Amino acid sequence: MAKLNPVQLQKHLKGVNYPARKQDLINHVRQKGVDEEAISALEKLPDREFKNPIELSQAIADLK
């Protein structure tokens, strides 16, 4: 699997109100028709609330 670009992911998540739970993020990108790579990365996140985009980006980076 190619490494997910965190900048691109944040573009997909534009309009999300933080704090946001994992499922809120997944629902948002699905509604926007985002590719499966981004959805797959979000599904691997721990089931918790993310306070801001920086915290989310760190959690995505920690998956690698």
PDB file of N, CA and C in Angstrom:
ATOM      1  N   MET A   1       0.839  -1.176   0.000  1.00  0.00           N
ATOM      2  CA  MET A   1       0.000   0.000   0.000  1.00  0.00           C
ATOM      3  C   MET A   1       0.882   1.236   0.000  1.00  0.00           C
ATOM      4  N   ALA A   2       0.610   2.188  -0.853  1.00  0.00           N
ATOM      5  CA  ALA A   2       1.359   3.433  -0.913  1.00  0.00           C
ATOM      6  C   ALA A   2       1.084   4.253   0.338  1.00  0.00           C
ATOM      7  N   LYS A   3       2.083   5.031   0.719  1.00  0.00           N
ATOM      8  CA  LYS A   3       1.934   5.876   1.900  1.00  0.00           C
ATOM      9  C   LYS A   3       0.921   6.984   1.621  1.00  0.00           C
ATOM     10  N   LEU A   4      -0.002   7.146   2.541  1.00  0.00           N
ATOM     11  CA  LEU A   4      -1.042   8.153   2.398  1.00  0.00           C
ATOM     12  C   LEU A   4      -0.438   9.532   2.612  1.00  0.00           C
ATOM     13  N   ASN A   5      -0.720  10.443   1.712  1.00  0.00           N
ATOM     14  CA  ASN A   5      -0.239  11.814   1.808  1.00  0.00           C
ATOM     15  C   ASN A   5      -1.110  12.556   2.822  1.00  0.00           C
ATOM     16  N   PRO A   6      -0.519  12.997   3.965  1.00  0.00           N
ATOM     17  CA  PRO A   6      -1.327  13.661   4.990  1.00  0.00           C
ATOM     18  C   PRO A   6      -1.923  14.986   4.524  1.00  0.00           C
ATOM     19  N   VAL A   7      -1.250  15.689   3.633  1.00  0.00           N
ATOM     20  CA  VAL A   7      -1.789  16.948   3.113  1.00  0.00           C
ATOM     21  C   VAL A   7      -3.039  16.668   2.286  1.00  0.00           C
ATOM     22  N   GLN A   8      -2.966  15.649   1.446  1.00  0.00           N
ATOM     23  CA  GLN A   8      -4.125  15.275   0.637  1.00  0.00           C
ATOM     24  C   GLN A   8      -5.282  14.824   1.523  1.00  0.00           C
ATOM     25  N   LEU A   9      -4.963  14.066   2.569  1.00  0.00           N
ATOM     26  CA  LEU A   9      -6.014  13.623   3.487  1.00  0.00           C
ATOM     27  C   LEU A   9      -6.701  14.817   4.129  1.00  0.00           C
ATOM     28  N   GLN A  10      -5.944  15.807   4.547  1.00  0.00           N
ATOM     29  CA  GLN A  10      -6.544  16.988   5.166  1.00  0.00           C
ATOM     30  C   GLN A  10      -7.434  17.736   4.173  1.00  0.00           C
ATOM     31  N   LYS A  11      -7.061  17.723   2.900  1.00  0.00           N
ATOM     32  CA  LYS A  11      -7.923  18.338   1.873  1.00  0.00           C
ATOM     33  C   LYS A  11      -9.253  17.588   1.786  1.00  0.00           C
ATOM     34  N   HIS A  12      -9.192  16.261   1.872  1.00  0.00           N
ATOM     35  CA  HIS A  12     -10.411  15.458   1.845  1.00  0.00           C
ATOM     36  C   HIS A  12     -11.291  15.749   3.057  1.00  0.00           C
ATOM     37  N   LEU A  13     -10.662  16.118   4.162  1.00  0.00           N
ATOM     38  CA  LEU A  13     -11.384  16.343   5.409  1.00  0.00           C
ATOM     39  C   LEU A  13     -11.800  17.799   5.610  1.00  0.00           C
ATOM     40  N   LYS A  14     -11.624  18.606   4.590  1.00  0.00           N
ATOM     41  CA  LYS A  14     -12.020  20.010   4.689  1.00  0.00           C
ATOM     42  C   LYS A  14     -13.500  20.099   5.068  1.00  0.00           C
ATOM     43  N   GLY A  15     -13.787  20.927   6.051  1.00  0.00           N
ATOM     44  CA  GLY A  15     -15.155  21.100   6.494  1.00  0.00           C
ATOM     45  C   GLY A  15     -15.531  20.274   7.714  1.00  0.00           C
ATOM     46  N   VAL A  16     -14.631  19.389   8.155  1.00  0.00           N
ATOM     47  CA  VAL A  16     -14.901  18.597   9.356  1.00  0.00           C
ATOM     48  C   VAL A  16     -14.807  19.510  10.576  1.00  0.00           C
ATOM     49  N   ASN A  17     -15.742  19.386  11.469  1.00  0.00           N
ATOM     50  CA  ASN A  17     -15.713  20.126  12.727  1.00  0.00           C
ATOM     51  C   ASN A  17     -15.028  19.279  13.784  1.00  0.00           C
ATOM     52  N   TYR A  18     -13.944  19.794  14.324  1.00  0.00           N
ATOM     53  CA  TYR A  18     -13.222  19.108  15.399  1.00  0.00           C
ATOM     54  C   TYR A  18     -13.689  19.652  16.734  1.00  0.00           C
ATOM     55  N   PRO A  19     -13.687  18.840  17.779  1.00  0.00           N
ATOM     56  CA  PRO A  19     -13.225  17.456  17.794  1.00  0.00           C
ATOM     57  C   PRO A  19     -14.158  16.550  16.994  1.00  0.00           C
ATOM     58  N   ALA A  20     -13.561  15.489  16.455  1.00  0.00           N
ATOM     59  CA  ALA A  20     -14.311  14.551  15.617  1.00  0.00           C
ATOM     60  C   ALA A  20     -13.898  13.121  15.950  1.00  0.00           C
ATOM     61  N   ARG A  21     -14.870  12.249  15.996  1.00  0.00           N
ATOM     62  CA  ARG A  21     -14.595  10.823  16.234  1.00  0.00           C
ATOM     63  C   ARG A  21     -14.197  10.167  14.918  1.00  0.00           C
ATOM     64  N   LYS A  22     -13.554   9.053  15.048  1.00  0.00           N
ATOM     65  CA  LYS A  22     -13.099   8.285  13.884  1.00  0.00           C
ATOM     66  C   LYS A  22     -14.238   8.068  12.894  1.00  0.00           C
ATOM     67  N   GLN A  23     -15.392   7.632  13.360  1.00  0.00           N
ATOM     68  CA  GLN A  23     -16.503   7.338  12.449  1.00  0.00           C
ATOM     69  C   GLN A  23     -17.012   8.595  11.758  1.00  0.00           C
ATOM     70  N   ASP A  24     -16.957   9.734  12.432  1.00  0.00           N
ATOM     71  CA  ASP A  24     -17.346  11.001  11.802  1.00  0.00           C
ATOM     72  C   ASP A  24     -16.437  11.305  10.610  1.00  0.00           C
ATOM     73  N   LEU A  25     -15.151  11.059  10.778  1.00  0.00           N
ATOM     74  CA  LEU A  25     -14.183  11.306   9.705  1.00  0.00           C
ATOM     75  C   LEU A  25     -14.434  10.377   8.518  1.00  0.00           C
ATOM     76  N   ILE A  26     -14.672   9.113   8.817  1.00  0.00           N
ATOM     77  CA  ILE A  26     -14.945   8.134   7.756  1.00  0.00           C
ATOM     78  C   ILE A  26     -16.223   8.506   7.007  1.00  0.00           C
ATOM     79  N   ASN A  27     -17.251   8.864   7.730  1.00  0.00           N
ATOM     80  CA  ASN A  27     -18.510   9.256   7.085  1.00  0.00           C
ATOM     81  C   ASN A  27     -18.307  10.473   6.190  1.00  0.00           C
ATOM     82  N   HIS A  28     -17.523  11.437   6.646  1.00  0.00           N
ATOM     83  CA  HIS A  28     -17.272  12.660   5.877  1.00  0.00           C
ATOM     84  C   HIS A  28     -16.595  12.341   4.550  1.00  0.00           C
ATOM     85  N   VAL A  29     -15.533  11.535   4.581  1.00  0.00           N
ATOM     86  CA  VAL A  29     -14.821  11.252   3.323  1.00  0.00           C
ATOM     87  C   VAL A  29     -15.653  10.374   2.396  1.00  0.00           C
ATOM     88  N   ARG A  30     -16.459   9.483   2.950  1.00  0.00           N
ATOM     89  CA  ARG A  30     -17.337   8.668   2.093  1.00  0.00           C
ATOM     90  C   ARG A  30     -18.356   9.537   1.365  1.00  0.00           C
ATOM     91  N   GLN A  31     -18.898  10.528   2.055  1.00  0.00           N
ATOM     92  CA  GLN A  31     -19.866  11.429   1.429  1.00  0.00           C
ATOM     93  C   GLN A  31     -19.223  12.240   0.309  1.00  0.00           C
ATOM     94  N   LYS A  32     -17.935  12.487   0.423  1.00  0.00           N
ATOM     95  CA  LYS A  32     -17.224  13.255  -0.601  1.00  0.00           C
ATOM     96  C   LYS A  32     -16.732  12.366  -1.744  1.00  0.00           C
ATOM     97  N   GLY A  33     -16.904  11.048  -1.627  1.00  0.00           N
ATOM     98  CA  GLY A  33     -16.485  10.145  -2.690  1.00  0.00           C
ATOM     99  C   GLY A  33     -14.980   9.966  -2.779  1.00  0.00           C
ATOM    100  N   VAL A  34     -14.324  10.013  -1.643  1.00  0.00           N
ATOM    101  CA  VAL A  34     -12.867   9.901  -1.589  1.00  0.00           C
ATOM    102  C   VAL A  34     -12.440   8.466  -1.870  1.00  0.00           C
ATOM    103  N   ASP A  35     -11.219   8.312  -2.386  1.00  0.00           N
ATOM    104  CA  ASP A  35     -10.706   6.992  -2.759  1.00  0.00           C
ATOM    105  C   ASP A  35     -10.574   6.070  -1.547  1.00  0.00           C
ATOM    106  N   GLU A  36     -10.548   4.783  -1.834  1.00  0.00           N
ATOM    107  CA  GLU A  36     -10.509   3.755  -0.795  1.00  0.00           C
ATOM    108  C   GLU A  36      -9.237   3.804   0.045  1.00  0.00           C
ATOM    109  N   GLU A  37      -8.135   4.304  -0.494  1.00  0.00           N
ATOM    110  CA  GLU A  37      -6.888   4.383   0.276  1.00  0.00           C
ATOM    111  C   GLU A  37      -7.072   5.272   1.501  1.00  0.00           C
ATOM    112  N   ALA A  38      -7.710   6.410   1.320  1.00  0.00           N
ATOM    113  CA  ALA A  38      -7.952   7.330   2.437  1.00  0.00           C
ATOM    114  C   ALA A  38      -8.911   6.706   3.438  1.00  0.00           C
ATOM    115  N   ILE A  39      -9.962   6.086   2.953  1.00  0.00           N
ATOM    116  CA  ILE A  39     -10.938   5.445   3.840  1.00  0.00           C
ATOM    117  C   ILE A  39     -10.271   4.322   4.623  1.00  0.00           C
ATOM    118  N   SER A  40      -9.461   3.534   3.950  1.00  0.00           N
ATOM    119  CA  SER A  40      -8.758   2.429   4.597  1.00  0.00           C
ATOM    120  C   SER A  40      -7.845   2.930   5.713  1.00  0.00           C
ATOM    121  N   ALA A  41      -7.138   4.018   5.476  1.00  0.00           N
ATOM    122  CA  ALA A  41      -6.257   4.583   6.501  1.00  0.00           C
ATOM    123  C   ALA A  41      -7.059   5.045   7.708  1.00  0.00           C
ATOM    124  N   LEU A  42      -8.165   5.714   7.463  1.00  0.00           N
ATOM    125  CA  LEU A  42      -9.001   6.184   8.575  1.00  0.00           C
ATOM    126  C   LEU A  42      -9.586   5.020   9.369  1.00  0.00           C
ATOM    127  N   GLU A  43      -9.926   3.941   8.683  1.00  0.00           N
ATOM    128  CA  GLU A  43     -10.487   2.778   9.372  1.00  0.00           C
ATOM    129  C   GLU A  43      -9.479   2.110  10.299  1.00  0.00           C
ATOM    130  N   LYS A  44      -8.191   2.292  10.051  1.00  0.00           N
ATOM    131  CA  LYS A  44      -7.142   1.703  10.890  1.00  0.00           C
ATOM    132  C   LYS A  44      -6.868   2.520  12.148  1.00  0.00           C
ATOM    133  N   LEU A  45      -7.408   3.713  12.228  1.00  0.00           N
ATOM    134  CA  LEU A  45      -7.187   4.564  13.397  1.00  0.00           C
ATOM    135  C   LEU A  45      -7.851   3.978  14.634  1.00  0.00           C
ATOM    136  N   PRO A  46      -7.325   4.316  15.814  1.00  0.00           N
ATOM    137  CA  PRO A  46      -8.014   3.897  17.035  1.00  0.00           C
ATOM    138  C   PRO A  46      -9.381   4.575  17.121  1.00  0.00           C
ATOM    139  N   ASP A  47     -10.309   3.912  17.757  1.00  0.00           N
ATOM    140  CA  ASP A  47     -11.661   4.453  17.878  1.00  0.00           C
ATOM    141  C   ASP A  47     -11.687   5.468  19.017  1.00  0.00           C
ATOM    142  N   ARG A  48     -11.401   6.708  18.659  1.00  0.00           N
ATOM    143  CA  ARG A  48     -11.362   7.769  19.664  1.00  0.00           C
ATOM    144  C   ARG A  48     -11.694   9.102  19.018  1.00  0.00           C
ATOM    145  N   GLU A  49     -11.680  10.136  19.817  1.00  0.00           N
ATOM    146  CA  GLU A  49     -11.960  11.477  19.330  1.00  0.00           C
ATOM    147  C   GLU A  49     -10.636  12.203  19.047  1.00  0.00           C
ATOM    148  N   PHE A  50     -10.579  12.885  17.914  1.00  0.00           N
ATOM    149  CA  PHE A  50      -9.405  13.664  17.531  1.00  0.00           C
ATOM    150  C   PHE A  50      -9.737  15.134  17.733  1.00  0.00           C
ATOM    151  N   LYS A  51      -8.873  15.831  18.480  1.00  0.00           N
ATOM    152  CA  LYS A  51      -9.151  17.216  18.865  1.00  0.00           C
ATOM    153  C   LYS A  51      -8.968  18.210  17.740  1.00  0.00           C
ATOM    154  N   ASN A  52      -8.056  17.894  16.798  1.00  0.00           N
ATOM    155  CA  ASN A  52      -7.749  18.836  15.721  1.00  0.00           C
ATOM    156  C   ASN A  52      -7.043  18.098  14.586  1.00  0.00           C
ATOM    157  N   PRO A  53      -6.843  18.762  13.443  1.00  0.00           N
ATOM    158  CA  PRO A  53      -6.196  18.107  12.300  1.00  0.00           C
ATOM    159  C   PRO A  53      -4.761  17.658  12.596  1.00  0.00           C
ATOM    160  N   ILE A  54      -4.061  18.369  13.442  1.00  0.00           N
ATOM    161  CA  ILE A  54      -2.681  17.986  13.773  1.00  0.00           C
ATOM    162  C   ILE A  54      -2.667  16.663  14.524  1.00  0.00           C
ATOM    163  N   GLU A  55      -3.561  16.522  15.469  1.00  0.00           N
ATOM    164  CA  GLU A  55      -3.654  15.269  16.221  1.00  0.00           C
ATOM    165  C   GLU A  55      -4.011  14.112  15.292  1.00  0.00           C
ATOM    166  N   LEU A  56      -4.896  14.348  14.359  1.00  0.00           N
ATOM    167  CA  LEU A  56      -5.263  13.317  13.392  1.00  0.00           C
ATOM    168  C   LEU A  56      -4.081  12.944  12.507  1.00  0.00           C
ATOM    169  N   SER A  57      -3.355  13.936  12.022  1.00  0.00           N
ATOM    170  CA  SER A  57      -2.189  13.677  11.167  1.00  0.00           C
ATOM    171  C   SER A  57      -1.150  12.848  11.904  1.00  0.00           C
ATOM    172  N   GLN A  58      -0.946  13.142  13.184  1.00  0.00           N
ATOM    173  CA  GLN A  58       0.009  12.353  13.973  1.00  0.00           C
ATOM    174  C   GLN A  58      -0.446  10.909  14.118  1.00  0.00           C
ATOM    175  N   ALA A  59      -1.737  10.719  14.344  1.00  0.00           N
ATOM    176  CA  ALA A  59      -2.257   9.351  14.468  1.00  0.00           C
ATOM    177  C   ALA A  59      -2.096   8.593  13.154  1.00  0.00           C
ATOM    178  N   ILE A  60      -2.301   9.253  12.025  1.00  0.00           N
ATOM    179  CA  ILE A  60      -2.102   8.622  10.715  1.00  0.00           C
ATOM    180  C   ILE A  60      -0.634   8.262  10.537  1.00  0.00           C
ATOM    181  N   ALA A  61       0.265   9.168  10.909  1.00  0.00           N
ATOM    182  CA  ALA A  61       1.706   8.911  10.784  1.00  0.00           C
ATOM    183  C   ALA A  61       2.124   7.731  11.666  1.00  0.00           C
ATOM    184  N   ASP A  62       1.517   7.593  12.817  1.00  0.00           N
ATOM    185  CA  ASP A  62       1.840   6.508  13.732  1.00  0.00           C
ATOM    186  C   ASP A  62       1.413   5.145  13.203  1.00  0.00           C
ATOM    187  N   LEU A  63       0.518   5.110  12.237  1.00  0.00           N
ATOM    188  CA  LEU A  63       0.081   3.838  11.651  1.00  0.00           C
ATOM    189  C   LEU A  63       1.168   3.200  10.804  1.00  0.00           C
ATOM    190  N   LYS A  64       2.071   3.968  10.299  1.00  0.00           N
ATOM    191  CA  LYS A  64       3.083   3.467   9.360  1.00  0.00           C
ATOM    192  C   LYS A  64       4.140   2.652  10.038  1.00  0.00           C
TER     193      LYS A  64
END
